[in-house]
Amino acid sequence: MMETSAANLRSAEERRSTDDRRSTDGTGPGGLERRQTEDRRGSVADRRSQNNLHLATFYANGEFFGIRVERVQEIILAQERTPVPKSDRIIRGLVNLRGQIVTAIDLRRVLGLPDLDDDQDHVNLILNFADGVDSLQVDEIGDVMEVSEQKIEPPPPSMTGIDKRFVEGVCKLDGKLLLILDVDRLTGRVD
């Protein structure tokens, strides 16, 4: 009789252990509902993320700017630039990025903002394009921010001081106006 009780006890413990494993791996009672709930949560989060832009933010002349983060290859500190004689004014020179020669474009000059003093620090955003990379010189880096597409509006007609053709949209964040820039237009790849 003791053997039967011990065998029943072991059998009951094995069933409980199997049920516990099933409940944690989603195959036991309640597992399907839990998986479906997790799938729904995941798809809602995916949809929410699909309706948002991830922007690398930065500053120039005290203005707050952003570009789509997928366009940024990397961020580097100020590099020594080699001037290019008779080049367009927006081109600050060429920089050597681990053996790759990259054109350094000055965001302030593109947007018609006052020049940064040569002795002031700056940062370079290395931007990806189908035909290579360029460096965009900015004053300082901000954060990567996620912005709902619904909050983005076209640049207002009253916006002055910055050429609107370079601005994809504007968004108010933390009491500041974020100008979202079109890097293809900034770098002259699109008119």
C-alpha atoms as a PDB file:
ATOM      1  CA  MET A   1       0.000   0.000   0.000  1.00  0.00           C
ATOM      2  CA  MET A   2       2.886   2.342   0.825  1.00  0.00           C
ATOM      3  CA  GLU A   3       4.456   1.603  -2.555  1.00  0.00           C
ATOM      4  CA  THR A   4       1.248   2.521  -4.373  1.00  0.00           C
ATOM      5  CA  SER A   5       0.934   5.778  -2.425  1.00  0.00           C
ATOM      6  CA  ALA A   6       4.575   6.635  -3.123  1.00  0.00           C
ATOM      7  CA  ALA A   7       4.086   5.833  -6.817  1.00  0.00           C
ATOM      8  CA  ASN A   8       0.913   7.961  -6.916  1.00  0.00           C
ATOM      9  CA  LEU A   9       2.723  10.797  -5.150  1.00  0.00           C
ATOM     10  CA  ARG A  10       5.618  10.638  -7.659  1.00  0.00           C
ATOM     11  CA  SER A  11       3.141  10.479 -10.525  1.00  0.00           C
ATOM     12  CA  ALA A  12       1.228  13.499  -9.169  1.00  0.00           C
ATOM     13  CA  GLU A  13       4.488  15.427  -8.712  1.00  0.00           C
ATOM     14  CA  GLU A  14       5.576  14.584 -12.281  1.00  0.00           C
ATOM     15  CA  ARG A  15       2.206  15.789 -13.631  1.00  0.00           C
ATOM     16  CA  ARG A  16       2.495  19.037 -11.663  1.00  0.00           C
ATOM     17  CA  SER A  17       6.047  19.510 -12.896  1.00  0.00           C
ATOM     18  CA  THR A  18       4.925  18.910 -16.489  1.00  0.00           C
ATOM     19  CA  ASP A  19       1.976  21.311 -16.025  1.00  0.00           C
ATOM     20  CA  ASP A  20       4.352  23.921 -14.579  1.00  0.00           C
ATOM     21  CA  ARG A  21       6.652  23.567 -17.597  1.00  0.00           C
ATOM     22  CA  ARG A  22       3.685  23.792 -19.960  1.00  0.00           C
ATOM     23  CA  SER A  23       2.357  26.847 -18.223  1.00  0.00           C
ATOM     24  CA  THR A  24       5.709  28.613 -18.517  1.00  0.00           C
ATOM     25  CA  ASP A  25       6.362  27.553 -22.110  1.00  0.00           C
ATOM     26  CA  GLY A  26       2.815  28.425 -23.214  1.00  0.00           C
ATOM     27  CA  THR A  27       1.650  24.858 -24.022  1.00  0.00           C
ATOM     28  CA  GLY A  28      -0.356  24.126 -20.857  1.00  0.00           C
ATOM     29  CA  PRO A  29      -3.686  25.419 -19.562  1.00  0.00           C
ATOM     30  CA  GLY A  30      -3.812  29.163 -20.022  1.00  0.00           C
ATOM     31  CA  GLY A  31      -0.715  29.054 -22.219  1.00  0.00           C
ATOM     32  CA  LEU A  32      -2.582  29.761 -25.456  1.00  0.00           C
ATOM     33  CA  GLU A  33      -4.371  32.747 -23.940  1.00  0.00           C
ATOM     34  CA  ARG A  34      -1.071  34.074 -22.567  1.00  0.00           C
ATOM     35  CA  ARG A  35       0.646  33.664 -25.969  1.00  0.00           C
ATOM     36  CA  GLN A  36      -2.250  35.410 -27.736  1.00  0.00           C
ATOM     37  CA  THR A  37      -2.169  38.276 -25.229  1.00  0.00           C
ATOM     38  CA  GLU A  38       1.604  38.596 -25.647  1.00  0.00           C
ATOM     39  CA  ASP A  39       1.193  38.511 -29.448  1.00  0.00           C
ATOM     40  CA  ARG A  40      -1.463  41.246 -29.280  1.00  0.00           C
ATOM     41  CA  ARG A  41       0.743  43.375 -27.032  1.00  0.00           C
ATOM     42  CA  GLY A  42       3.694  42.866 -29.363  1.00  0.00           C
ATOM     43  CA  SER A  43       1.692  43.795 -32.440  1.00  0.00           C
ATOM     44  CA  VAL A  44       0.310  46.926 -30.743  1.00  0.00           C
ATOM     45  CA  ALA A  45       3.861  47.942 -29.791  1.00  0.00           C
ATOM     46  CA  ASP A  46       4.998  47.210 -33.348  1.00  0.00           C
ATOM     47  CA  ARG A  47       2.168  49.336 -34.790  1.00  0.00           C
ATOM     48  CA  ARG A  48       2.952  52.128 -32.351  1.00  0.00           C
ATOM     49  CA  SER A  49       6.614  52.028 -33.357  1.00  0.00           C
ATOM     50  CA  GLN A  50       5.688  51.963 -37.065  1.00  0.00           C
ATOM     51  CA  ASN A  51       3.797  55.244 -36.620  1.00  0.00           C
ATOM     52  CA  ASN A  52       6.777  56.889 -34.950  1.00  0.00           C
ATOM     53  CA  LEU A  53       9.967  58.387 -36.310  1.00  0.00           C
ATOM     54  CA  HIS A  54      13.281  57.818 -34.589  1.00  0.00           C
ATOM     55  CA  LEU A  55      15.291  61.006 -34.888  1.00  0.00           C
ATOM     56  CA  ALA A  56      18.896  61.830 -34.105  1.00  0.00           C
ATOM     57  CA  THR A  57      18.731  65.335 -32.658  1.00  0.00           C
ATOM     58  CA  PHE A  58      21.372  68.051 -32.589  1.00  0.00           C
ATOM     59  CA  TYR A  59      21.871  71.796 -32.322  1.00  0.00           C
ATOM     60  CA  ALA A  60      23.245  74.532 -34.558  1.00  0.00           C
ATOM     61  CA  ASN A  61      23.189  78.202 -33.564  1.00  0.00           C
ATOM     62  CA  GLY A  62      20.900  77.329 -30.637  1.00  0.00           C
ATOM     63  CA  GLU A  63      18.269  75.809 -32.948  1.00  0.00           C
ATOM     64  CA  PHE A  64      17.007  72.245 -32.335  1.00  0.00           C
ATOM     65  CA  PHE A  65      17.173  69.885 -35.342  1.00  0.00           C
ATOM     66  CA  GLY A  66      16.576  66.232 -36.101  1.00  0.00           C
ATOM     67  CA  ILE A  67      17.142  63.775 -38.917  1.00  0.00           C
ATOM     68  CA  ARG A  68      15.943  60.226 -39.350  1.00  0.00           C
ATOM     69  CA  VAL A  69      18.238  58.014 -37.309  1.00  0.00           C
ATOM     70  CA  GLU A  70      18.549  55.408 -40.077  1.00  0.00           C
ATOM     71  CA  ARG A  71      20.462  57.997 -42.126  1.00  0.00           C
ATOM     72  CA  VAL A  72      23.170  58.365 -39.441  1.00  0.00           C
ATOM     73  CA  GLN A  73      26.083  55.964 -39.775  1.00  0.00           C
ATOM     74  CA  GLU A  74      28.007  57.348 -36.810  1.00  0.00           C
ATOM     75  CA  ILE A  75      28.881  60.464 -34.854  1.00  0.00           C
ATOM     76  CA  ILE A  76      32.469  61.632 -34.567  1.00  0.00           C
ATOM     77  CA  LEU A  77      34.198  64.506 -32.838  1.00  0.00           C
ATOM     78  CA  ALA A  78      35.705  67.353 -34.822  1.00  0.00           C
ATOM     79  CA  GLN A  79      38.192  66.136 -37.403  1.00  0.00           C
ATOM     80  CA  GLU A  80      40.972  68.013 -39.105  1.00  0.00           C
ATOM     81  CA  ARG A  81      39.599  69.250 -42.412  1.00  0.00           C
ATOM     82  CA  THR A  82      41.506  69.734 -45.628  1.00  0.00           C
ATOM     83  CA  PRO A  83      40.114  72.789 -47.456  1.00  0.00           C
ATOM     84  CA  VAL A  84      38.933  72.302 -51.032  1.00  0.00           C
ATOM     85  CA  PRO A  85      39.894  75.316 -53.194  1.00  0.00           C
ATOM     86  CA  LYS A  86      37.034  76.948 -55.129  1.00  0.00           C
ATOM     87  CA  SER A  87      34.443  74.623 -53.583  1.00  0.00           C
ATOM     88  CA  ASP A  88      30.952  75.693 -52.648  1.00  0.00           C
ATOM     89  CA  ARG A  89      30.808  77.750 -49.461  1.00  0.00           C
ATOM     90  CA  ILE A  90      28.837  75.038 -47.602  1.00  0.00           C
ATOM     91  CA  ILE A  91      31.739  72.597 -47.978  1.00  0.00           C
ATOM     92  CA  ARG A  92      34.131  73.041 -45.076  1.00  0.00           C
ATOM     93  CA  GLY A  93      36.628  70.607 -46.558  1.00  0.00           C
ATOM     94  CA  LEU A  94      37.408  66.921 -46.628  1.00  0.00           C
ATOM     95  CA  VAL A  95      37.903  64.649 -43.622  1.00  0.00           C
ATOM     96  CA  ASN A  96      39.608  61.287 -43.460  1.00  0.00           C
ATOM     97  CA  LEU A  97      37.279  58.704 -41.949  1.00  0.00           C
ATOM     98  CA  ARG A  98      39.474  55.634 -41.402  1.00  0.00           C
ATOM     99  CA  GLY A  99      40.939  55.919 -44.883  1.00  0.00           C
ATOM    100  CA  GLN A 100      37.730  57.031 -46.602  1.00  0.00           C
ATOM    101  CA  ILE A 101      37.720  60.655 -47.797  1.00  0.00           C
ATOM    102  CA  VAL A 102      34.423  62.294 -46.837  1.00  0.00           C
ATOM    103  CA  THR A 103      33.026  65.721 -47.738  1.00  0.00           C
ATOM    104  CA  ALA A 104      32.375  67.870 -44.648  1.00  0.00           C
ATOM    105  CA  ILE A 105      29.260  70.008 -45.067  1.00  0.00           C
ATOM    106  CA  ASP A 106      28.598  72.862 -42.631  1.00  0.00           C
ATOM    107  CA  LEU A 107      24.943  72.832 -41.533  1.00  0.00           C
ATOM    108  CA  ARG A 108      25.113  76.464 -40.448  1.00  0.00           C
ATOM    109  CA  ARG A 109      26.213  77.550 -43.909  1.00  0.00           C
ATOM    110  CA  VAL A 110      23.596  75.423 -45.661  1.00  0.00           C
ATOM    111  CA  LEU A 111      20.839  76.983 -43.556  1.00  0.00           C
ATOM    112  CA  GLY A 112      22.203  80.522 -43.784  1.00  0.00           C
ATOM    113  CA  LEU A 113      23.052  80.715 -40.078  1.00  0.00           C
ATOM    114  CA  PRO A 114      26.101  82.592 -38.734  1.00  0.00           C
ATOM    115  CA  ASP A 115      29.381  80.667 -38.979  1.00  0.00           C
ATOM    116  CA  LEU A 116      30.748  78.855 -35.964  1.00  0.00           C
ATOM    117  CA  ASP A 117      34.103  80.292 -34.911  1.00  0.00           C
ATOM    118  CA  ASP A 118      36.990  78.121 -36.101  1.00  0.00           C
ATOM    119  CA  ASP A 119      38.173  77.626 -32.520  1.00  0.00           C
ATOM    120  CA  GLN A 120      34.748  76.404 -31.314  1.00  0.00           C
ATOM    121  CA  ASP A 121      34.193  72.664 -31.046  1.00  0.00           C
ATOM    122  CA  HIS A 122      31.808  70.933 -33.378  1.00  0.00           C
ATOM    123  CA  VAL A 123      30.614  67.400 -34.038  1.00  0.00           C
ATOM    124  CA  ASN A 124      30.238  65.513 -37.309  1.00  0.00           C
ATOM    125  CA  LEU A 125      27.268  63.339 -38.175  1.00  0.00           C
ATOM    126  CA  ILE A 126      28.366  60.795 -40.766  1.00  0.00           C
ATOM    127  CA  LEU A 127      25.351  60.330 -43.032  1.00  0.00           C
ATOM    128  CA  ASN A 128      24.543  57.361 -45.290  1.00  0.00           C
ATOM    129  CA  PHE A 129      23.542  57.826 -48.916  1.00  0.00           C
ATOM    130  CA  ALA A 130      23.150  55.386 -51.793  1.00  0.00           C
ATOM    131  CA  ASP A 131      26.332  56.777 -53.379  1.00  0.00           C
ATOM    132  CA  GLY A 132      28.453  56.998 -50.213  1.00  0.00           C
ATOM    133  CA  VAL A 133      28.689  59.070 -47.055  1.00  0.00           C
ATOM    134  CA  ASP A 134      28.995  62.750 -46.139  1.00  0.00           C
ATOM    135  CA  SER A 135      29.820  64.493 -42.895  1.00  0.00           C
ATOM    136  CA  LEU A 136      27.395  67.084 -41.559  1.00  0.00           C
ATOM    137  CA  GLN A 137      29.045  69.531 -39.170  1.00  0.00           C
ATOM    138  CA  VAL A 138      26.794  70.553 -36.246  1.00  0.00           C
ATOM    139  CA  ASP A 139      27.395  72.398 -32.965  1.00  0.00           C
ATOM    140  CA  GLU A 140      26.415  69.640 -30.549  1.00  0.00           C
ATOM    141  CA  ILE A 141      24.545  66.359 -30.376  1.00  0.00           C
ATOM    142  CA  GLY A 142      21.207  65.881 -28.622  1.00  0.00           C
ATOM    143  CA  ASP A 143      19.441  62.557 -28.055  1.00  0.00           C
ATOM    144  CA  VAL A 144      17.762  59.942 -30.191  1.00  0.00           C
ATOM    145  CA  MET A 145      14.065  60.686 -29.856  1.00  0.00           C
ATOM    146  CA  GLU A 146      10.949  58.794 -30.858  1.00  0.00           C
ATOM    147  CA  VAL A 147       8.304  61.133 -32.249  1.00  0.00           C
ATOM    148  CA  SER A 148       4.765  60.252 -33.276  1.00  0.00           C
ATOM    149  CA  GLU A 149       4.185  61.026 -36.954  1.00  0.00           C
ATOM    150  CA  GLN A 150       0.855  62.564 -35.899  1.00  0.00           C
ATOM    151  CA  LYS A 151       2.714  65.309 -33.992  1.00  0.00           C
ATOM    152  CA  ILE A 152       4.743  66.342 -37.042  1.00  0.00           C
ATOM    153  CA  GLU A 153       3.417  69.277 -39.022  1.00  0.00           C
ATOM    154  CA  PRO A 154       4.626  71.008 -42.183  1.00  0.00           C
ATOM    155  CA  PRO A 155       6.853  74.036 -41.632  1.00  0.00           C
ATOM    156  CA  PRO A 156       4.665  77.077 -40.958  1.00  0.00           C
ATOM    157  CA  PRO A 157       4.531  79.730 -43.699  1.00  0.00           C
ATOM    158  CA  SER A 158       5.658  82.310 -41.148  1.00  0.00           C
ATOM    159  CA  MET A 159       8.928  80.449 -40.444  1.00  0.00           C
ATOM    160  CA  THR A 160      11.835  82.743 -41.251  1.00  0.00           C
ATOM    161  CA  GLY A 161      15.579  82.626 -40.834  1.00  0.00           C
ATOM    162  CA  ILE A 162      15.917  79.078 -42.171  1.00  0.00           C
ATOM    163  CA  ASP A 163      15.313  77.946 -45.737  1.00  0.00           C
ATOM    164  CA  LYS A 164      12.079  75.914 -45.513  1.00  0.00           C
ATOM    165  CA  ARG A 165      12.918  73.679 -48.466  1.00  0.00           C
ATOM    166  CA  PHE A 166      15.379  71.834 -46.176  1.00  0.00           C
ATOM    167  CA  VAL A 167      12.738  71.222 -43.488  1.00  0.00           C
ATOM    168  CA  GLU A 168      10.570  68.077 -43.767  1.00  0.00           C
ATOM    169  CA  GLY A 169       8.449  68.995 -40.780  1.00  0.00           C
ATOM    170  CA  VAL A 170       8.294  70.546 -37.339  1.00  0.00           C
ATOM    171  CA  CYS A 171       7.292  69.181 -33.971  1.00  0.00           C
ATOM    172  CA  LYS A 172       7.053  70.708 -30.518  1.00  0.00           C
ATOM    173  CA  LEU A 173       9.001  68.666 -27.944  1.00  0.00           C
ATOM    174  CA  ASP A 174       9.611  69.613 -24.335  1.00  0.00           C
ATOM    175  CA  GLY A 175       8.698  73.223 -25.073  1.00  0.00           C
ATOM    176  CA  LYS A 176      11.170  73.439 -27.977  1.00  0.00           C
ATOM    177  CA  LEU A 177      10.478  73.463 -31.687  1.00  0.00           C
ATOM    178  CA  LEU A 178      12.219  70.538 -33.401  1.00  0.00           C
ATOM    179  CA  LEU A 179      12.962  71.097 -37.096  1.00  0.00           C
ATOM    180  CA  ILE A 180      13.174  67.796 -38.975  1.00  0.00           C
ATOM    181  CA  LEU A 181      15.630  68.160 -41.839  1.00  0.00           C
ATOM    182  CA  ASP A 182      15.711  66.514 -45.264  1.00  0.00           C
ATOM    183  CA  VAL A 183      19.330  65.347 -45.576  1.00  0.00           C
ATOM    184  CA  ASP A 184      19.051  64.681 -49.314  1.00  0.00           C
ATOM    185  CA  ARG A 185      18.157  68.320 -49.931  1.00  0.00           C
ATOM    186  CA  LEU A 186      20.718  69.573 -47.389  1.00  0.00           C
ATOM    187  CA  THR A 187      23.542  67.814 -49.186  1.00  0.00           C
ATOM    188  CA  GLY A 188      22.381  68.784 -52.669  1.00  0.00           C
ATOM    189  CA  ARG A 189      21.370  65.279 -53.738  1.00  0.00           C
ATOM    190  CA  VAL A 190      17.803  66.462 -54.408  1.00  0.00           C
ATOM    191  CA  ASP A 191      16.734  69.951 -55.508  1.00  0.00           C
END
